[in-house]
């Protein structure tokens, strides 16, 4: 049986960004590794009742946050030029 997870999505100038709260444990590794400090804590709660993250307007859609997420809770899609 497959389980569908609903993503919270954000659209920015450089790309789209999605987080899956049912996978996010709120470890903050994505915030630590973001080179532009583009991630803020969200009011949305993750799998353990901890805050998830959301991008702010400075997000460049580099995808580092998705690369370091240990739970694959983040998906970043950069816009094509």
PDB file of N, CA and C in Angstrom:
ATOM      1  N   UNK A   1       0.848  -1.162   0.000  1.00  0.00           N
ATOM      2  CA  UNK A   1       0.000   0.000   0.000  1.00  0.00           C
ATOM      3  C   UNK A   1       0.903   1.237   0.000  1.00  0.00           C
ATOM      4  N   UNK A   2       0.611   2.205  -0.871  1.00  0.00           N
ATOM      5  CA  UNK A   2       1.421   3.419  -0.905  1.00  0.00           C
ATOM      6  C   UNK A   2       0.778   4.503  -0.050  1.00  0.00           C
ATOM      7  N   UNK A   3       1.610   5.367   0.473  1.00  0.00           N
ATOM      8  CA  UNK A   3       1.149   6.462   1.314  1.00  0.00           C
ATOM      9  C   UNK A   3       1.451   7.772   0.598  1.00  0.00           C
ATOM     10  N   UNK A   4       0.445   8.608   0.437  1.00  0.00           N
ATOM     11  CA  UNK A   4       0.641   9.897  -0.226  1.00  0.00           C
ATOM     12  C   UNK A   4       0.935  10.954   0.832  1.00  0.00           C
ATOM     13  N   UNK A   5       1.953  11.745   0.574  1.00  0.00           N
ATOM     14  CA  UNK A   5       2.323  12.836   1.471  1.00  0.00           C
ATOM     15  C   UNK A   5       2.023  14.147   0.782  1.00  0.00           C
ATOM     16  N   UNK A   6       1.337  15.036   1.485  1.00  0.00           N
ATOM     17  CA  UNK A   6       0.997  16.324   0.911  1.00  0.00           C
ATOM     18  C   UNK A   6       2.144  17.305   1.149  1.00  0.00           C
ATOM     19  N   UNK A   7       2.556  17.971   0.085  1.00  0.00           N
ATOM     20  CA  UNK A   7       3.651  18.938   0.172  1.00  0.00           C
ATOM     21  C   UNK A   7       3.104  20.347   0.348  1.00  0.00           C
ATOM     22  N   UNK A   8       3.884  21.172   1.055  1.00  0.00           N
ATOM     23  CA  UNK A   8       3.628  22.607   1.119  1.00  0.00           C
ATOM     24  C   UNK A   8       4.580  23.222   0.112  1.00  0.00           C
ATOM     25  N   UNK A   9       4.049  23.929  -0.861  1.00  0.00           N
ATOM     26  CA  UNK A   9       4.868  24.448  -1.948  1.00  0.00           C
ATOM     27  C   UNK A   9       4.939  25.960  -1.944  1.00  0.00           C
ATOM     28  N   UNK A  10       6.082  26.458  -2.391  1.00  0.00           N
ATOM     29  CA  UNK A  10       6.347  27.885  -2.479  1.00  0.00           C
ATOM     30  C   UNK A  10       6.957  28.162  -3.849  1.00  0.00           C
ATOM     31  N   UNK A  11       6.536  29.247  -4.466  1.00  0.00           N
ATOM     32  CA  UNK A  11       7.054  29.640  -5.768  1.00  0.00           C
ATOM     33  C   UNK A  11       7.881  30.903  -5.588  1.00  0.00           C
ATOM     34  N   UNK A  12       9.099  30.899  -6.102  1.00  0.00           N
ATOM     35  CA  UNK A  12       9.973  32.058  -6.001  1.00  0.00           C
ATOM     36  C   UNK A  12      10.432  32.513  -7.368  1.00  0.00           C
ATOM     37  N   UNK A  13      11.243  33.540  -7.390  1.00  0.00           N
ATOM     38  CA  UNK A  13      11.765  34.068  -8.647  1.00  0.00           C
ATOM     39  C   UNK A  13      12.691  33.088  -9.350  1.00  0.00           C
ATOM     40  N   UNK A  14      13.430  32.296  -8.584  1.00  0.00           N
ATOM     41  CA  UNK A  14      14.438  31.399  -9.151  1.00  0.00           C
ATOM     42  C   UNK A  14      13.956  29.964  -9.332  1.00  0.00           C
ATOM     43  N   UNK A  15      12.840  29.601  -8.655  1.00  0.00           N
ATOM     44  CA  UNK A  15      12.350  28.239  -8.778  1.00  0.00           C
ATOM     45  C   UNK A  15      11.250  27.943  -7.785  1.00  0.00           C
ATOM     46  N   UNK A  16      10.876  26.674  -7.711  1.00  0.00           N
ATOM     47  CA  UNK A  16       9.843  26.262  -6.759  1.00  0.00           C
ATOM     48  C   UNK A  16      10.489  25.406  -5.675  1.00  0.00           C
ATOM     49  N   UNK A  17       9.852  25.421  -4.523  1.00  0.00           N
ATOM     50  CA  UNK A  17      10.396  24.774  -3.341  1.00  0.00           C
ATOM     51  C   UNK A  17       9.245  24.095  -2.617  1.00  0.00           C
ATOM     52  N   UNK A  18       9.408  22.841  -2.244  1.00  0.00           N
ATOM     53  CA  UNK A  18       8.360  22.100  -1.544  1.00  0.00           C
ATOM     54  C   UNK A  18       8.941  21.375  -0.343  1.00  0.00           C
ATOM     55  N   UNK A  19       8.131  21.306   0.708  1.00  0.00           N
ATOM     56  CA  UNK A  19       8.519  20.514   1.880  1.00  0.00           C
ATOM     57  C   UNK A  19       7.367  19.572   2.219  1.00  0.00           C
ATOM     58  N   UNK A  20       7.736  18.398   2.659  1.00  0.00           N
ATOM     59  CA  UNK A  20       6.768  17.387   3.065  1.00  0.00           C
ATOM     60  C   UNK A  20       6.799  17.289   4.591  1.00  0.00           C
ATOM     61  N   UNK A  21       5.851  17.958   5.296  1.00  0.00           N
ATOM     62  CA  UNK A  21       5.856  17.965   6.760  1.00  0.00           C
ATOM     63  C   UNK A  21       5.832  16.582   7.398  1.00  0.00           C
ATOM     64  N   UNK A  22       5.219  15.607   6.738  1.00  0.00           N
ATOM     65  CA  UNK A  22       5.152  14.255   7.311  1.00  0.00           C
ATOM     66  C   UNK A  22       6.505  13.556   7.281  1.00  0.00           C
ATOM     67  N   UNK A  23       7.481  14.142   6.580  1.00  0.00           N
ATOM     68  CA  UNK A  23       8.832  13.584   6.551  1.00  0.00           C
ATOM     69  C   UNK A  23       9.826  14.414   7.354  1.00  0.00           C
ATOM     70  N   UNK A  24       9.522  15.697   7.557  1.00  0.00           N
ATOM     71  CA  UNK A  24      10.451  16.614   8.233  1.00  0.00           C
ATOM     72  C   UNK A  24      10.430  16.409   9.744  1.00  0.00           C
ATOM     73  N   UNK A  25      11.619  16.213  10.324  1.00  0.00           N
ATOM     74  CA  UNK A  25      11.701  16.059  11.780  1.00  0.00           C
ATOM     75  C   UNK A  25      12.172  17.336  12.461  1.00  0.00           C
ATOM     76  N   UNK A  26      12.398  18.401  11.695  1.00  0.00           N
ATOM     77  CA  UNK A  26      12.778  19.689  12.269  1.00  0.00           C
ATOM     78  C   UNK A  26      14.202  19.741  12.785  1.00  0.00           C
ATOM     79  N   UNK A  27      15.111  19.016  12.162  1.00  0.00           N
ATOM     80  CA  UNK A  27      16.495  18.978  12.640  1.00  0.00           C
ATOM     81  C   UNK A  27      17.249  20.276  12.373  1.00  0.00           C
ATOM     82  N   UNK A  28      16.840  21.024  11.354  1.00  0.00           N
ATOM     83  CA  UNK A  28      17.476  22.304  11.050  1.00  0.00           C
ATOM     84  C   UNK A  28      18.748  22.212  10.231  1.00  0.00           C
ATOM     85  N   UNK A  29      19.117  21.024   9.782  1.00  0.00           N
ATOM     86  CA  UNK A  29      20.326  20.878   8.980  1.00  0.00           C
ATOM     87  C   UNK A  29      20.237  21.702   7.698  1.00  0.00           C
ATOM     88  N   UNK A  30      19.075  21.750   7.101  1.00  0.00           N
ATOM     89  CA  UNK A  30      18.879  22.537   5.881  1.00  0.00           C
ATOM     90  C   UNK A  30      19.145  24.024   6.149  1.00  0.00           C
ATOM     91  N   UNK A  31      18.696  24.517   7.291  1.00  0.00           N
ATOM     92  CA  UNK A  31      18.923  25.928   7.655  1.00  0.00           C
ATOM     93  C   UNK A  31      20.402  26.200   7.878  1.00  0.00           C
ATOM     94  N   UNK A  32      21.083  25.257   8.504  1.00  0.00           N
ATOM     95  CA  UNK A  32      22.519  25.406   8.774  1.00  0.00           C
ATOM     96  C   UNK A  32      23.335  25.490   7.498  1.00  0.00           C
ATOM     97  N   UNK A  33      22.978  24.689   6.513  1.00  0.00           N
ATOM     98  CA  UNK A  33      23.781  24.569   5.292  1.00  0.00           C
ATOM     99  C   UNK A  33      23.385  25.560   4.195  1.00  0.00           C
ATOM    100  N   UNK A  34      22.272  26.254   4.332  1.00  0.00           N
ATOM    101  CA  UNK A  34      21.824  27.209   3.305  1.00  0.00           C
ATOM    102  C   UNK A  34      22.839  28.355   3.203  1.00  0.00           C
ATOM    103  N   UNK A  35      23.455  28.555   2.036  1.00  0.00           N
ATOM    104  CA  UNK A  35      24.493  29.573   1.901  1.00  0.00           C
ATOM    105  C   UNK A  35      23.961  31.010   1.970  1.00  0.00           C
ATOM    106  N   UNK A  36      22.674  31.203   1.774  1.00  0.00           N
ATOM    107  CA  UNK A  36      22.083  32.546   1.776  1.00  0.00           C
ATOM    108  C   UNK A  36      21.170  32.792   2.978  1.00  0.00           C
ATOM    109  N   UNK A  37      21.113  31.854   3.918  1.00  0.00           N
ATOM    110  CA  UNK A  37      20.202  31.952   5.077  1.00  0.00           C
ATOM    111  C   UNK A  37      18.770  32.228   4.629  1.00  0.00           C
ATOM    112  N   UNK A  38      18.308  31.441   3.683  1.00  0.00           N
ATOM    113  CA  UNK A  38      16.987  31.636   3.071  1.00  0.00           C
ATOM    114  C   UNK A  38      15.861  30.886   3.753  1.00  0.00           C
ATOM    115  N   UNK A  39      16.167  30.065   4.737  1.00  0.00           N
ATOM    116  CA  UNK A  39      15.124  29.253   5.356  1.00  0.00           C
ATOM    117  C   UNK A  39      14.756  29.783   6.735  1.00  0.00           C
ATOM    118  N   UNK A  40      13.462  29.921   6.944  1.00  0.00           N
ATOM    119  CA  UNK A  40      12.924  30.365   8.224  1.00  0.00           C
ATOM    120  C   UNK A  40      12.124  29.224   8.836  1.00  0.00           C
ATOM    121  N   UNK A  41      11.993  29.221  10.158  1.00  0.00           N
ATOM    122  CA  UNK A  41      11.124  28.233  10.801  1.00  0.00           C
ATOM    123  C   UNK A  41       9.692  28.570  10.439  1.00  0.00           C
ATOM    124  N   UNK A  42       8.892  27.565  10.225  1.00  0.00           N
ATOM    125  CA  UNK A  42       7.503  27.706   9.815  1.00  0.00           C
ATOM    126  C   UNK A  42       6.566  27.432  10.986  1.00  0.00           C
ATOM    127  N   UNK A  43       5.336  27.856  10.850  1.00  0.00           N
ATOM    128  CA  UNK A  43       4.307  27.519  11.834  1.00  0.00           C
ATOM    129  C   UNK A  43       3.766  26.113  11.593  1.00  0.00           C
ATOM    130  N   UNK A  44       4.074  25.528  10.443  1.00  0.00           N
ATOM    131  CA  UNK A  44       3.653  24.165  10.127  1.00  0.00           C
ATOM    132  C   UNK A  44       4.517  23.187  10.910  1.00  0.00           C
ATOM    133  N   UNK A  45       3.872  22.191  11.456  1.00  0.00           N
ATOM    134  CA  UNK A  45       4.584  21.203  12.261  1.00  0.00           C
ATOM    135  C   UNK A  45       4.906  19.958  11.457  1.00  0.00           C
ATOM    136  N   UNK A  46       6.066  19.387  11.762  1.00  0.00           N
ATOM    137  CA  UNK A  46       6.513  18.183  11.088  1.00  0.00           C
ATOM    138  C   UNK A  46       6.058  16.922  11.797  1.00  0.00           C
ATOM    139  N   UNK A  47       6.664  15.831  11.430  1.00  0.00           N
ATOM    140  CA  UNK A  47       6.270  14.507  11.884  1.00  0.00           C
ATOM    141  C   UNK A  47       6.326  14.348  13.405  1.00  0.00           C
ATOM    142  N   UNK A  48       7.249  15.013  14.079  1.00  0.00           N
ATOM    143  CA  UNK A  48       7.369  14.886  15.533  1.00  0.00           C
ATOM    144  C   UNK A  48       6.784  16.081  16.267  1.00  0.00           C
ATOM    145  N   UNK A  49       6.005  16.897  15.579  1.00  0.00           N
ATOM    146  CA  UNK A  49       5.419  18.078  16.207  1.00  0.00           C
ATOM    147  C   UNK A  49       6.394  19.242  16.319  1.00  0.00           C
ATOM    148  N   UNK A  50       7.514  19.126  15.631  1.00  0.00           N
ATOM    149  CA  UNK A  50       8.505  20.194  15.612  1.00  0.00           C
ATOM    150  C   UNK A  50       8.261  21.085  14.396  1.00  0.00           C
ATOM    151  N   UNK A  51       8.700  22.343  14.430  1.00  0.00           N
ATOM    152  CA  UNK A  51       8.481  23.228  13.280  1.00  0.00           C
ATOM    153  C   UNK A  51       9.216  22.729  12.037  1.00  0.00           C
ATOM    154  N   UNK A  52       8.591  22.915  10.895  1.00  0.00           N
ATOM    155  CA  UNK A  52       9.252  22.665   9.619  1.00  0.00           C
ATOM    156  C   UNK A  52       9.885  23.985   9.185  1.00  0.00           C
ATOM    157  N   UNK A  53      10.385  24.041   7.983  1.00  0.00           N
ATOM    158  CA  UNK A  53      10.990  25.268   7.467  1.00  0.00           C
ATOM    159  C   UNK A  53      10.242  25.728   6.228  1.00  0.00           C
ATOM    160  N   UNK A  54      10.478  26.985   5.855  1.00  0.00           N
ATOM    161  CA  UNK A  54       9.956  27.517   4.608  1.00  0.00           C
ATOM    162  C   UNK A  54      10.953  28.544   4.078  1.00  0.00           C
ATOM    163  N   UNK A  55      11.027  28.681   2.760  1.00  0.00           N
ATOM    164  CA  UNK A  55      11.986  29.621   2.192  1.00  0.00           C
ATOM    165  C   UNK A  55      11.467  31.055   2.285  1.00  0.00           C
ATOM    166  N   UNK A  56      12.403  32.000   2.366  1.00  0.00           N
ATOM    167  CA  UNK A  56      12.001  33.397   2.282  1.00  0.00           C
ATOM    168  C   UNK A  56      12.280  33.894   0.859  1.00  0.00           C
ATOM    169  N   UNK A  57      12.085  35.150   0.612  1.00  0.00           N
ATOM    170  CA  UNK A  57      12.202  35.696  -0.743  1.00  0.00           C
ATOM    171  C   UNK A  57      13.616  35.669  -1.310  1.00  0.00           C
ATOM    172  N   UNK A  58      14.609  35.411  -0.477  1.00  0.00           N
ATOM    173  CA  UNK A  58      15.998  35.392  -0.942  1.00  0.00           C
ATOM    174  C   UNK A  58      16.418  34.053  -1.537  1.00  0.00           C
ATOM    175  N   UNK A  59      15.537  33.061  -1.511  1.00  0.00           N
ATOM    176  CA  UNK A  59      15.875  31.722  -1.983  1.00  0.00           C
ATOM    177  C   UNK A  59      16.299  31.750  -3.455  1.00  0.00           C
ATOM    178  N   UNK A  60      17.470  31.147  -3.722  1.00  0.00           N
ATOM    179  CA  UNK A  60      17.998  31.087  -5.081  1.00  0.00           C
ATOM    180  C   UNK A  60      17.749  29.730  -5.741  1.00  0.00           C
ATOM    181  N   UNK A  61      17.056  28.850  -5.059  1.00  0.00           N
ATOM    182  CA  UNK A  61      16.749  27.500  -5.556  1.00  0.00           C
ATOM    183  C   UNK A  61      18.018  26.716  -5.881  1.00  0.00           C
ATOM    184  N   UNK A  62      19.052  26.882  -5.052  1.00  0.00           N
ATOM    185  CA  UNK A  62      20.320  26.177  -5.289  1.00  0.00           C
ATOM    186  C   UNK A  62      20.187  24.680  -5.026  1.00  0.00           C
ATOM    187  N   UNK A  63      19.271  24.296  -4.135  1.00  0.00           N
ATOM    188  CA  UNK A  63      19.023  22.880  -3.860  1.00  0.00           C
ATOM    189  C   UNK A  63      19.895  22.264  -2.788  1.00  0.00           C
ATOM    190  N   UNK A  64      20.750  23.048  -2.141  1.00  0.00           N
ATOM    191  CA  UNK A  64      21.612  22.496  -1.094  1.00  0.00           C
ATOM    192  C   UNK A  64      20.768  21.952   0.052  1.00  0.00           C
ATOM    193  N   UNK A  65      19.700  22.663   0.403  1.00  0.00           N
ATOM    194  CA  UNK A  65      18.834  22.199   1.493  1.00  0.00           C
ATOM    195  C   UNK A  65      18.272  20.807   1.203  1.00  0.00           C
ATOM    196  N   UNK A  66      17.851  20.590  -0.038  1.00  0.00           N
ATOM    197  CA  UNK A  66      17.308  19.283  -0.414  1.00  0.00           C
ATOM    198  C   UNK A  66      18.392  18.212  -0.392  1.00  0.00           C
ATOM    199  N   UNK A  67      19.609  18.597  -0.766  1.00  0.00           N
ATOM    200  CA  UNK A  67      20.721  17.641  -0.803  1.00  0.00           C
ATOM    201  C   UNK A  67      21.127  17.160   0.584  1.00  0.00           C
ATOM    202  N   UNK A  68      21.042  18.057   1.577  1.00  0.00           N
ATOM    203  CA  UNK A  68      21.500  17.678   2.922  1.00  0.00           C
ATOM    204  C   UNK A  68      20.391  17.147   3.821  1.00  0.00           C
ATOM    205  N   UNK A  69      19.142  17.250   3.395  1.00  0.00           N
ATOM    206  CA  UNK A  69      18.032  16.776   4.223  1.00  0.00           C
ATOM    207  C   UNK A  69      18.128  15.256   4.401  1.00  0.00           C
ATOM    208  N   UNK A  70      18.294  14.786   5.637  1.00  0.00           N
ATOM    209  CA  UNK A  70      18.443  13.349   5.855  1.00  0.00           C
ATOM    210  C   UNK A  70      17.159  12.556   5.621  1.00  0.00           C
ATOM    211  N   UNK A  71      16.033  13.253   5.520  1.00  0.00           N
ATOM    212  CA  UNK A  71      14.748  12.567   5.361  1.00  0.00           C
ATOM    213  C   UNK A  71      14.096  12.803   4.007  1.00  0.00           C
ATOM    214  N   UNK A  72      14.808  13.439   3.091  1.00  0.00           N
ATOM    215  CA  UNK A  72      14.282  13.727   1.745  1.00  0.00           C
ATOM    216  C   UNK A  72      12.949  14.468   1.815  1.00  0.00           C
ATOM    217  N   UNK A  73      12.846  15.405   2.744  1.00  0.00           N
ATOM    218  CA  UNK A  73      11.602  16.137   2.961  1.00  0.00           C
ATOM    219  C   UNK A  73      11.490  17.390   2.106  1.00  0.00           C
ATOM    220  N   UNK A  74      12.549  17.751   1.382  1.00  0.00           N
ATOM    221  CA  UNK A  74      12.572  18.982   0.598  1.00  0.00           C
ATOM    222  C   UNK A  74      12.830  18.662  -0.867  1.00  0.00           C
ATOM    223  N   UNK A  75      12.082  19.326  -1.738  1.00  0.00           N
ATOM    224  CA  UNK A  75      12.287  19.216  -3.179  1.00  0.00           C
ATOM    225  C   UNK A  75      12.413  20.634  -3.723  1.00  0.00           C
ATOM    226  N   UNK A  76      13.490  20.871  -4.492  1.00  0.00           N
ATOM    227  CA  UNK A  76      13.720  22.181  -5.105  1.00  0.00           C
ATOM    228  C   UNK A  76      13.818  21.985  -6.608  1.00  0.00           C
ATOM    229  N   UNK A  77      13.092  22.816  -7.352  1.00  0.00           N
ATOM    230  CA  UNK A  77      13.150  22.774  -8.804  1.00  0.00           C
ATOM    231  C   UNK A  77      13.528  24.159  -9.299  1.00  0.00           C
ATOM    232  N   UNK A  78      14.714  24.277  -9.880  1.00  0.00           N
ATOM    233  CA  UNK A  78      15.206  25.551 -10.380  1.00  0.00           C
ATOM    234  C   UNK A  78      14.516  25.875 -11.712  1.00  0.00           C
ATOM    235  N   UNK A  79      14.123  27.132 -11.906  1.00  0.00           N
ATOM    236  CA  UNK A  79      13.528  27.552 -13.176  1.00  0.00           C
ATOM    237  C   UNK A  79      14.575  27.564 -14.261  1.00  0.00           C
ATOM    238  N   UNK A  80      14.163  27.166 -15.451  1.00  0.00           N
ATOM    239  CA  UNK A  80      15.077  27.195 -16.592  1.00  0.00           C
ATOM    240  C   UNK A  80      15.176  28.627 -17.107  1.00  0.00           C
ATOM    241  N   UNK A  81      16.372  28.986 -17.537  1.00  0.00           N
ATOM    242  CA  UNK A  81      16.597  30.346 -18.041  1.00  0.00           C
ATOM    243  C   UNK A  81      16.055  30.528 -19.419  1.00  0.00           C
TER     244      UNK A  81
END
